[in-house]
Amino acid sequence: MKKWFIFLLAPFLSGCSLRTLNPVSETGADQAFLINLSFGLMMFVVAVVCVLFILFTVKYRETEKNRKDIPKHEEGNRTLEIIWTTLPIILLIGLAIPTIIYTFQVSNTDASSEEAMHVNVIGEQWRWTFQYENGKETHDTLVLPVDQEVVFHLKSTDVIHSFWIPRLVGKRDAIPDKENKLKVAPNEVGTYQGKCAEFCGILHADMRFVTEVVPAKEFEEWLAEEK
């Protein structure tokens, strides 16, 4: 019994360590909102289908009366056809509008503030390299100041990698011979897990890194340390 219980819980517990729905940046909060919105719309559709299923199961169950009555055919019912055509369109529009808005906000790095910090992020088999504006370079450890807008310049030296810090910002590919950009502004001090979200080879599991968000003063001291 315990084995079956663990098996049933596995899909729900498999992503607990990432805590994607507990964001610590405005970008992460926007993306969590989109996840919750899409989940809520799906649950609405599931609830409607389940309610209708139960109602029709009860109404048209086999009884003495139903054996004699032939249900009325509804083909050509304009009201029903309008409802089941327009309702999915409304749901899709309700999901598409905020998705497009937030996607453009994250992608529009040209609108970054002049005080934004720029970090080169280089993915390679099998590690991440982070290069700061003063020339400092780290491997598999990303240090960021809290409440500071950061623009990542994503590159790859070999295959396609996918840069992802679940609690800070969503995924963005690092592609050979092309630079992608991604911006984020952490708003809570802490240590957060990052990883490559694109299968990039036999040691893909080693493409993990740690993101440390620290107070601004502590970050400046760290940045000034020996490169």
C-alpha atoms as a PDB file:
ATOM      1  CA  MET A   1       0.000   0.000   0.000  1.00  0.00           C
ATOM      2  CA  LYS A   2       2.808   2.399   0.864  1.00  0.00           C
ATOM      3  CA  LYS A   3       4.503   1.787  -2.488  1.00  0.00           C
ATOM      4  CA  TRP A   4       1.315   2.633  -4.380  1.00  0.00           C
ATOM      5  CA  PHE A   5       0.815   5.747  -2.253  1.00  0.00           C
ATOM      6  CA  ILE A   6       4.362   6.970  -3.033  1.00  0.00           C
ATOM      7  CA  PHE A   7       3.834   6.169  -6.728  1.00  0.00           C
ATOM      8  CA  LEU A   8       0.679   8.307  -6.820  1.00  0.00           C
ATOM      9  CA  LEU A   9       2.383  11.203  -5.025  1.00  0.00           C
ATOM     10  CA  ALA A  10       5.508  11.169  -7.216  1.00  0.00           C
ATOM     11  CA  PRO A  11       4.098  13.368 -10.043  1.00  0.00           C
ATOM     12  CA  PHE A  12       3.029  16.010  -7.502  1.00  0.00           C
ATOM     13  CA  LEU A  13       6.291  15.976  -5.529  1.00  0.00           C
ATOM     14  CA  SER A  14       8.762  15.743  -8.413  1.00  0.00           C
ATOM     15  CA  GLY A  15       9.069  19.511  -8.835  1.00  0.00           C
ATOM     16  CA  CYS A  16       8.738  20.616  -5.216  1.00  0.00           C
ATOM     17  CA  SER A  17      12.398  21.569  -4.837  1.00  0.00           C
ATOM     18  CA  LEU A  18      12.127  24.105  -7.674  1.00  0.00           C
ATOM     19  CA  ARG A  19       9.302  26.065  -6.031  1.00  0.00           C
ATOM     20  CA  THR A  20       8.449  27.773  -9.313  1.00  0.00           C
ATOM     21  CA  LEU A  21       5.196  29.089  -7.903  1.00  0.00           C
ATOM     22  CA  ASN A  22       6.965  30.895  -5.062  1.00  0.00           C
ATOM     23  CA  PRO A  23       8.754  33.649  -7.051  1.00  0.00           C
ATOM     24  CA  VAL A  24      11.199  36.181  -5.645  1.00  0.00           C
ATOM     25  CA  SER A  25      11.173  38.671  -8.527  1.00  0.00           C
ATOM     26  CA  GLU A  26       8.580  40.671 -10.417  1.00  0.00           C
ATOM     27  CA  THR A  27       9.299  38.660 -13.559  1.00  0.00           C
ATOM     28  CA  GLY A  28       8.835  35.420 -11.656  1.00  0.00           C
ATOM     29  CA  ALA A  29       5.574  36.718 -10.161  1.00  0.00           C
ATOM     30  CA  ASP A  30       4.239  37.563 -13.633  1.00  0.00           C
ATOM     31  CA  GLN A  31       5.111  34.099 -14.895  1.00  0.00           C
ATOM     32  CA  ALA A  32       3.554  32.457 -11.828  1.00  0.00           C
ATOM     33  CA  PHE A  33       0.393  34.484 -12.531  1.00  0.00           C
ATOM     34  CA  LEU A  34       0.270  33.057 -16.059  1.00  0.00           C
ATOM     35  CA  ILE A  35       0.675  29.523 -14.708  1.00  0.00           C
ATOM     36  CA  ASN A  36      -2.101  30.045 -12.167  1.00  0.00           C
ATOM     37  CA  LEU A  37      -4.322  31.678 -14.788  1.00  0.00           C
ATOM     38  CA  SER A  38      -3.925  28.820 -17.264  1.00  0.00           C
ATOM     39  CA  PHE A  39      -4.431  26.262 -14.477  1.00  0.00           C
ATOM     40  CA  GLY A  40      -7.572  28.081 -13.312  1.00  0.00           C
ATOM     41  CA  LEU A  41      -9.030  28.151 -16.833  1.00  0.00           C
ATOM     42  CA  MET A  42      -8.305  24.445 -17.280  1.00  0.00           C
ATOM     43  CA  MET A  43      -9.957  23.645 -13.955  1.00  0.00           C
ATOM     44  CA  PHE A  44     -12.986  25.702 -15.020  1.00  0.00           C
ATOM     45  CA  VAL A  45     -13.287  23.632 -18.198  1.00  0.00           C
ATOM     46  CA  VAL A  46     -12.844  20.379 -16.256  1.00  0.00           C
ATOM     47  CA  ALA A  47     -15.509  21.443 -13.717  1.00  0.00           C
ATOM     48  CA  VAL A  48     -18.009  22.327 -16.456  1.00  0.00           C
ATOM     49  CA  VAL A  49     -17.427  19.026 -18.247  1.00  0.00           C
ATOM     50  CA  CYS A  50     -17.747  17.023 -15.002  1.00  0.00           C
ATOM     51  CA  VAL A  51     -20.973  18.812 -13.991  1.00  0.00           C
ATOM     52  CA  LEU A  52     -22.528  18.242 -17.413  1.00  0.00           C
ATOM     53  CA  PHE A  53     -21.376  14.629 -17.398  1.00  0.00           C
ATOM     54  CA  ILE A  54     -23.025  14.004 -14.014  1.00  0.00           C
ATOM     55  CA  LEU A  55     -26.230  15.833 -14.985  1.00  0.00           C
ATOM     56  CA  PHE A  56     -26.640  13.904 -18.234  1.00  0.00           C
ATOM     57  CA  THR A  57     -25.722  10.611 -16.564  1.00  0.00           C
ATOM     58  CA  VAL A  58     -28.471  11.120 -13.997  1.00  0.00           C
ATOM     59  CA  LYS A  59     -31.033  12.574 -16.394  1.00  0.00           C
ATOM     60  CA  TYR A  60     -30.642   9.928 -19.103  1.00  0.00           C
ATOM     61  CA  ARG A  61     -29.919   6.903 -16.930  1.00  0.00           C
ATOM     62  CA  GLU A  62     -31.814   3.757 -17.732  1.00  0.00           C
ATOM     63  CA  THR A  63     -35.286   3.894 -16.164  1.00  0.00           C
ATOM     64  CA  GLU A  64     -38.725   2.644 -17.149  1.00  0.00           C
ATOM     65  CA  LYS A  65     -39.645   6.136 -18.321  1.00  0.00           C
ATOM     66  CA  ASN A  66     -36.440   6.674 -20.308  1.00  0.00           C
ATOM     67  CA  ARG A  67     -36.859   3.364 -22.108  1.00  0.00           C
ATOM     68  CA  LYS A  68     -40.014   4.744 -23.705  1.00  0.00           C
ATOM     69  CA  ASP A  69     -38.937   8.356 -24.284  1.00  0.00           C
ATOM     70  CA  ILE A  70     -36.645   9.178 -27.155  1.00  0.00           C
ATOM     71  CA  PRO A  71     -34.343  12.145 -26.309  1.00  0.00           C
ATOM     72  CA  LYS A  72     -34.753  15.222 -28.471  1.00  0.00           C
ATOM     73  CA  HIS A  73     -32.004  15.693 -31.037  1.00  0.00           C
ATOM     74  CA  GLU A  74     -30.170  19.017 -30.664  1.00  0.00           C
ATOM     75  CA  GLU A  75     -28.385  19.283 -33.994  1.00  0.00           C
ATOM     76  CA  GLY A  76     -28.979  22.658 -35.553  1.00  0.00           C
ATOM     77  CA  ASN A  77     -29.577  24.303 -32.167  1.00  0.00           C
ATOM     78  CA  ARG A  78     -28.098  27.743 -32.890  1.00  0.00           C
ATOM     79  CA  THR A  79     -27.895  28.776 -29.227  1.00  0.00           C
ATOM     80  CA  LEU A  80     -25.823  25.740 -28.233  1.00  0.00           C
ATOM     81  CA  GLU A  81     -23.584  26.051 -31.285  1.00  0.00           C
ATOM     82  CA  ILE A  82     -22.869  29.706 -30.498  1.00  0.00           C
ATOM     83  CA  ILE A  83     -22.080  28.863 -26.851  1.00  0.00           C
ATOM     84  CA  TRP A  84     -19.642  26.008 -27.519  1.00  0.00           C
ATOM     85  CA  THR A  85     -17.958  27.987 -30.312  1.00  0.00           C
ATOM     86  CA  THR A  86     -17.547  31.352 -28.571  1.00  0.00           C
ATOM     87  CA  LEU A  87     -16.707  30.071 -25.071  1.00  0.00           C
ATOM     88  CA  PRO A  88     -13.366  28.416 -26.068  1.00  0.00           C
ATOM     89  CA  ILE A  89     -12.469  31.534 -28.087  1.00  0.00           C
ATOM     90  CA  ILE A  90     -13.112  33.753 -25.058  1.00  0.00           C
ATOM     91  CA  LEU A  91     -11.002  31.477 -22.836  1.00  0.00           C
ATOM     92  CA  LEU A  92      -8.115  31.489 -25.333  1.00  0.00           C
ATOM     93  CA  ILE A  93      -8.234  35.284 -25.679  1.00  0.00           C
ATOM     94  CA  GLY A  94      -8.306  35.646 -21.892  1.00  0.00           C
ATOM     95  CA  LEU A  95      -5.113  33.569 -21.682  1.00  0.00           C
ATOM     96  CA  ALA A  96      -3.406  34.994 -24.788  1.00  0.00           C
ATOM     97  CA  ILE A  97      -3.612  38.700 -23.880  1.00  0.00           C
ATOM     98  CA  PRO A  98      -1.664  38.595 -20.555  1.00  0.00           C
ATOM     99  CA  THR A  99       0.733  35.992 -22.020  1.00  0.00           C
ATOM    100  CA  ILE A 100       1.657  38.294 -24.915  1.00  0.00           C
ATOM    101  CA  ILE A 101       1.969  41.336 -22.619  1.00  0.00           C
ATOM    102  CA  TYR A 102       4.277  39.624 -20.096  1.00  0.00           C
ATOM    103  CA  THR A 103       6.316  37.914 -22.832  1.00  0.00           C
ATOM    104  CA  PHE A 104       7.093  41.249 -24.482  1.00  0.00           C
ATOM    105  CA  GLN A 105       7.883  42.842 -21.122  1.00  0.00           C
ATOM    106  CA  VAL A 106      10.504  40.196 -20.327  1.00  0.00           C
ATOM    107  CA  SER A 107      11.929  40.177 -23.860  1.00  0.00           C
ATOM    108  CA  ASN A 108      12.137  43.958 -24.190  1.00  0.00           C
ATOM    109  CA  THR A 109      15.642  44.408 -22.813  1.00  0.00           C
ATOM    110  CA  ASP A 110      15.934  47.688 -24.752  1.00  0.00           C
ATOM    111  CA  ALA A 111      13.616  49.220 -22.152  1.00  0.00           C
ATOM    112  CA  SER A 112      16.028  48.362 -19.335  1.00  0.00           C
ATOM    113  CA  SER A 113      17.066  51.186 -17.050  1.00  0.00           C
ATOM    114  CA  GLU A 114      20.451  52.871 -17.477  1.00  0.00           C
ATOM    115  CA  GLU A 115      21.448  51.510 -14.055  1.00  0.00           C
ATOM    116  CA  ALA A 116      20.829  47.919 -15.167  1.00  0.00           C
ATOM    117  CA  MET A 117      23.689  45.495 -14.560  1.00  0.00           C
ATOM    118  CA  HIS A 118      24.813  43.321 -17.467  1.00  0.00           C
ATOM    119  CA  VAL A 119      26.081  39.754 -17.068  1.00  0.00           C
ATOM    120  CA  ASN A 120      27.356  37.490 -19.840  1.00  0.00           C
ATOM    121  CA  VAL A 121      26.056  33.951 -19.385  1.00  0.00           C
ATOM    122  CA  ILE A 122      27.912  31.275 -21.338  1.00  0.00           C
ATOM    123  CA  GLY A 123      26.633  27.714 -21.472  1.00  0.00           C
ATOM    124  CA  GLU A 124      29.049  24.942 -22.373  1.00  0.00           C
ATOM    125  CA  GLN A 125      29.307  21.217 -21.854  1.00  0.00           C
ATOM    126  CA  TRP A 126      29.192  20.904 -18.856  1.00  0.00           C
ATOM    127  CA  ARG A 127      29.093  24.151 -16.879  1.00  0.00           C
ATOM    128  CA  TRP A 128      27.852  27.732 -16.802  1.00  0.00           C
ATOM    129  CA  THR A 129      30.239  30.689 -16.904  1.00  0.00           C
ATOM    130  CA  PHE A 130      29.193  34.133 -15.649  1.00  0.00           C
ATOM    131  CA  GLN A 131      31.141  37.218 -16.693  1.00  0.00           C
ATOM    132  CA  TYR A 132      30.605  40.575 -14.973  1.00  0.00           C
ATOM    133  CA  GLU A 133      31.168  44.070 -16.339  1.00  0.00           C
ATOM    134  CA  ASN A 134      34.382  44.589 -14.369  1.00  0.00           C
ATOM    135  CA  GLY A 135      35.929  41.424 -15.850  1.00  0.00           C
ATOM    136  CA  LYS A 136      35.213  39.100 -12.932  1.00  0.00           C
ATOM    137  CA  GLU A 137      34.272  35.565 -13.949  1.00  0.00           C
ATOM    138  CA  THR A 138      32.686  32.710 -12.018  1.00  0.00           C
ATOM    139  CA  HIS A 139      31.671  29.156 -12.838  1.00  0.00           C
ATOM    140  CA  ASP A 140      28.390  27.566 -11.695  1.00  0.00           C
ATOM    141  CA  THR A 141      27.858  30.300  -9.083  1.00  0.00           C
ATOM    142  CA  LEU A 142      25.887  33.407 -10.022  1.00  0.00           C
ATOM    143  CA  VAL A 143      25.930  36.291  -7.534  1.00  0.00           C
ATOM    144  CA  LEU A 144      23.392  39.116  -7.917  1.00  0.00           C
ATOM    145  CA  PRO A 145      22.494  42.212  -5.873  1.00  0.00           C
ATOM    146  CA  VAL A 146      18.967  42.450  -4.501  1.00  0.00           C
ATOM    147  CA  ASP A 147      16.583  45.049  -5.990  1.00  0.00           C
ATOM    148  CA  GLN A 148      18.836  45.562  -9.000  1.00  0.00           C
ATOM    149  CA  GLU A 149      17.726  45.082 -12.583  1.00  0.00           C
ATOM    150  CA  VAL A 150      19.996  42.593 -14.335  1.00  0.00           C
ATOM    151  CA  VAL A 151      20.218  41.872 -18.060  1.00  0.00           C
ATOM    152  CA  PHE A 152      21.631  38.460 -18.972  1.00  0.00           C
ATOM    153  CA  HIS A 153      23.386  38.074 -22.336  1.00  0.00           C
ATOM    154  CA  LEU A 154      23.031  34.386 -23.121  1.00  0.00           C
ATOM    155  CA  LYS A 155      25.473  32.531 -25.371  1.00  0.00           C
ATOM    156  CA  SER A 156      26.603  28.951 -25.980  1.00  0.00           C
ATOM    157  CA  THR A 157      29.938  27.567 -27.126  1.00  0.00           C
ATOM    158  CA  ASP A 158      28.668  24.204 -28.369  1.00  0.00           C
ATOM    159  CA  VAL A 159      25.024  23.029 -28.300  1.00  0.00           C
ATOM    160  CA  ILE A 160      21.723  24.623 -27.305  1.00  0.00           C
ATOM    161  CA  HIS A 161      21.371  25.113 -23.550  1.00  0.00           C
ATOM    162  CA  SER A 162      18.428  26.587 -21.684  1.00  0.00           C
ATOM    163  CA  PHE A 163      19.115  29.008 -18.837  1.00  0.00           C
ATOM    164  CA  TRP A 164      16.541  28.720 -16.034  1.00  0.00           C
ATOM    165  CA  ILE A 165      16.279  29.974 -12.453  1.00  0.00           C
ATOM    166  CA  PRO A 166      12.763  28.798 -11.485  1.00  0.00           C
ATOM    167  CA  ARG A 167      12.132  31.241  -8.630  1.00  0.00           C
ATOM    168  CA  LEU A 168      13.610  34.241 -10.432  1.00  0.00           C
ATOM    169  CA  VAL A 169      12.896  34.012 -14.133  1.00  0.00           C
ATOM    170  CA  GLY A 170      11.672  31.633 -16.814  1.00  0.00           C
ATOM    171  CA  LYS A 171      13.677  29.744 -19.404  1.00  0.00           C
ATOM    172  CA  ARG A 172      15.625  31.305 -22.251  1.00  0.00           C
ATOM    173  CA  ASP A 173      17.807  29.379 -24.699  1.00  0.00           C
ATOM    174  CA  ALA A 174      21.550  29.906 -25.049  1.00  0.00           C
ATOM    175  CA  ILE A 175      22.272  29.250 -28.722  1.00  0.00           C
ATOM    176  CA  PRO A 176      25.625  28.960 -30.540  1.00  0.00           C
ATOM    177  CA  ASP A 177      26.487  32.013 -32.701  1.00  0.00           C
ATOM    178  CA  LYS A 178      23.507  33.955 -31.385  1.00  0.00           C
ATOM    179  CA  GLU A 179      22.919  36.141 -28.331  1.00  0.00           C
ATOM    180  CA  ASN A 180      19.632  36.054 -26.452  1.00  0.00           C
ATOM    181  CA  LYS A 181      18.798  38.474 -23.670  1.00  0.00           C
ATOM    182  CA  LEU A 182      16.785  38.105 -20.503  1.00  0.00           C
ATOM    183  CA  LYS A 183      16.167  40.572 -17.688  1.00  0.00           C
ATOM    184  CA  VAL A 184      15.201  40.142 -14.057  1.00  0.00           C
ATOM    185  CA  ALA A 185      15.251  42.127 -10.818  1.00  0.00           C
ATOM    186  CA  PRO A 186      15.521  39.894  -7.694  1.00  0.00           C
ATOM    187  CA  ASN A 187      13.637  41.309  -4.728  1.00  0.00           C
ATOM    188  CA  GLU A 188      14.547  38.866  -1.967  1.00  0.00           C
ATOM    189  CA  VAL A 189      17.922  37.857  -0.533  1.00  0.00           C
ATOM    190  CA  GLY A 190      18.585  34.132  -0.668  1.00  0.00           C
ATOM    191  CA  THR A 191      20.133  31.179  -2.504  1.00  0.00           C
ATOM    192  CA  TYR A 192      18.244  29.759  -5.467  1.00  0.00           C
ATOM    193  CA  GLN A 193      18.750  26.771  -7.698  1.00  0.00           C
ATOM    194  CA  GLY A 194      19.381  27.179 -11.420  1.00  0.00           C
ATOM    195  CA  LYS A 195      19.776  24.625 -14.168  1.00  0.00           C
ATOM    196  CA  CYS A 196      19.819  23.870 -17.857  1.00  0.00           C
ATOM    197  CA  ALA A 197      16.295  23.046 -19.018  1.00  0.00           C
ATOM    198  CA  GLU A 198      17.362  21.685 -22.423  1.00  0.00           C
ATOM    199  CA  PHE A 199      18.809  18.193 -22.757  1.00  0.00           C
ATOM    200  CA  CYS A 200      22.324  18.986 -23.952  1.00  0.00           C
ATOM    201  CA  GLY A 201      24.170  15.676 -23.768  1.00  0.00           C
ATOM    202  CA  ILE A 202      25.196  12.790 -21.565  1.00  0.00           C
ATOM    203  CA  LEU A 203      26.191  14.989 -18.579  1.00  0.00           C
ATOM    204  CA  HIS A 204      23.176  17.275 -18.812  1.00  0.00           C
ATOM    205  CA  ALA A 205      22.496  16.689 -15.100  1.00  0.00           C
ATOM    206  CA  ASP A 206      25.755  18.505 -14.286  1.00  0.00           C
ATOM    207  CA  MET A 207      24.458  21.731 -15.835  1.00  0.00           C
ATOM    208  CA  ARG A 208      23.265  23.068 -12.493  1.00  0.00           C
ATOM    209  CA  PHE A 209      24.312  26.260 -10.772  1.00  0.00           C
ATOM    210  CA  VAL A 210      23.640  28.271  -7.630  1.00  0.00           C
ATOM    211  CA  THR A 211      22.277  31.819  -7.651  1.00  0.00           C
ATOM    212  CA  GLU A 212      23.073  33.896  -4.586  1.00  0.00           C
ATOM    213  CA  VAL A 213      21.104  37.119  -4.177  1.00  0.00           C
ATOM    214  CA  VAL A 214      22.847  39.351  -1.641  1.00  0.00           C
ATOM    215  CA  PRO A 215      22.514  42.938  -0.324  1.00  0.00           C
ATOM    216  CA  ALA A 216      23.951  45.622  -2.629  1.00  0.00           C
ATOM    217  CA  LYS A 217      26.860  46.499  -0.323  1.00  0.00           C
ATOM    218  CA  GLU A 218      27.857  42.854   0.077  1.00  0.00           C
ATOM    219  CA  PHE A 219      27.699  42.408  -3.697  1.00  0.00           C
ATOM    220  CA  GLU A 220      30.008  45.391  -4.291  1.00  0.00           C
ATOM    221  CA  GLU A 221      32.512  43.953  -1.812  1.00  0.00           C
ATOM    222  CA  TRP A 222      32.335  40.550  -3.499  1.00  0.00           C
ATOM    223  CA  LEU A 223      32.731  42.124  -6.933  1.00  0.00           C
ATOM    224  CA  ALA A 224      35.809  44.037  -5.808  1.00  0.00           C
ATOM    225  CA  GLU A 225      37.538  40.898  -4.527  1.00  0.00           C
ATOM    226  CA  GLU A 226      40.439  39.410  -6.478  1.00  0.00           C
ATOM    227  CA  LYS A 227      39.217  38.283  -9.880  1.00  0.00           C
END
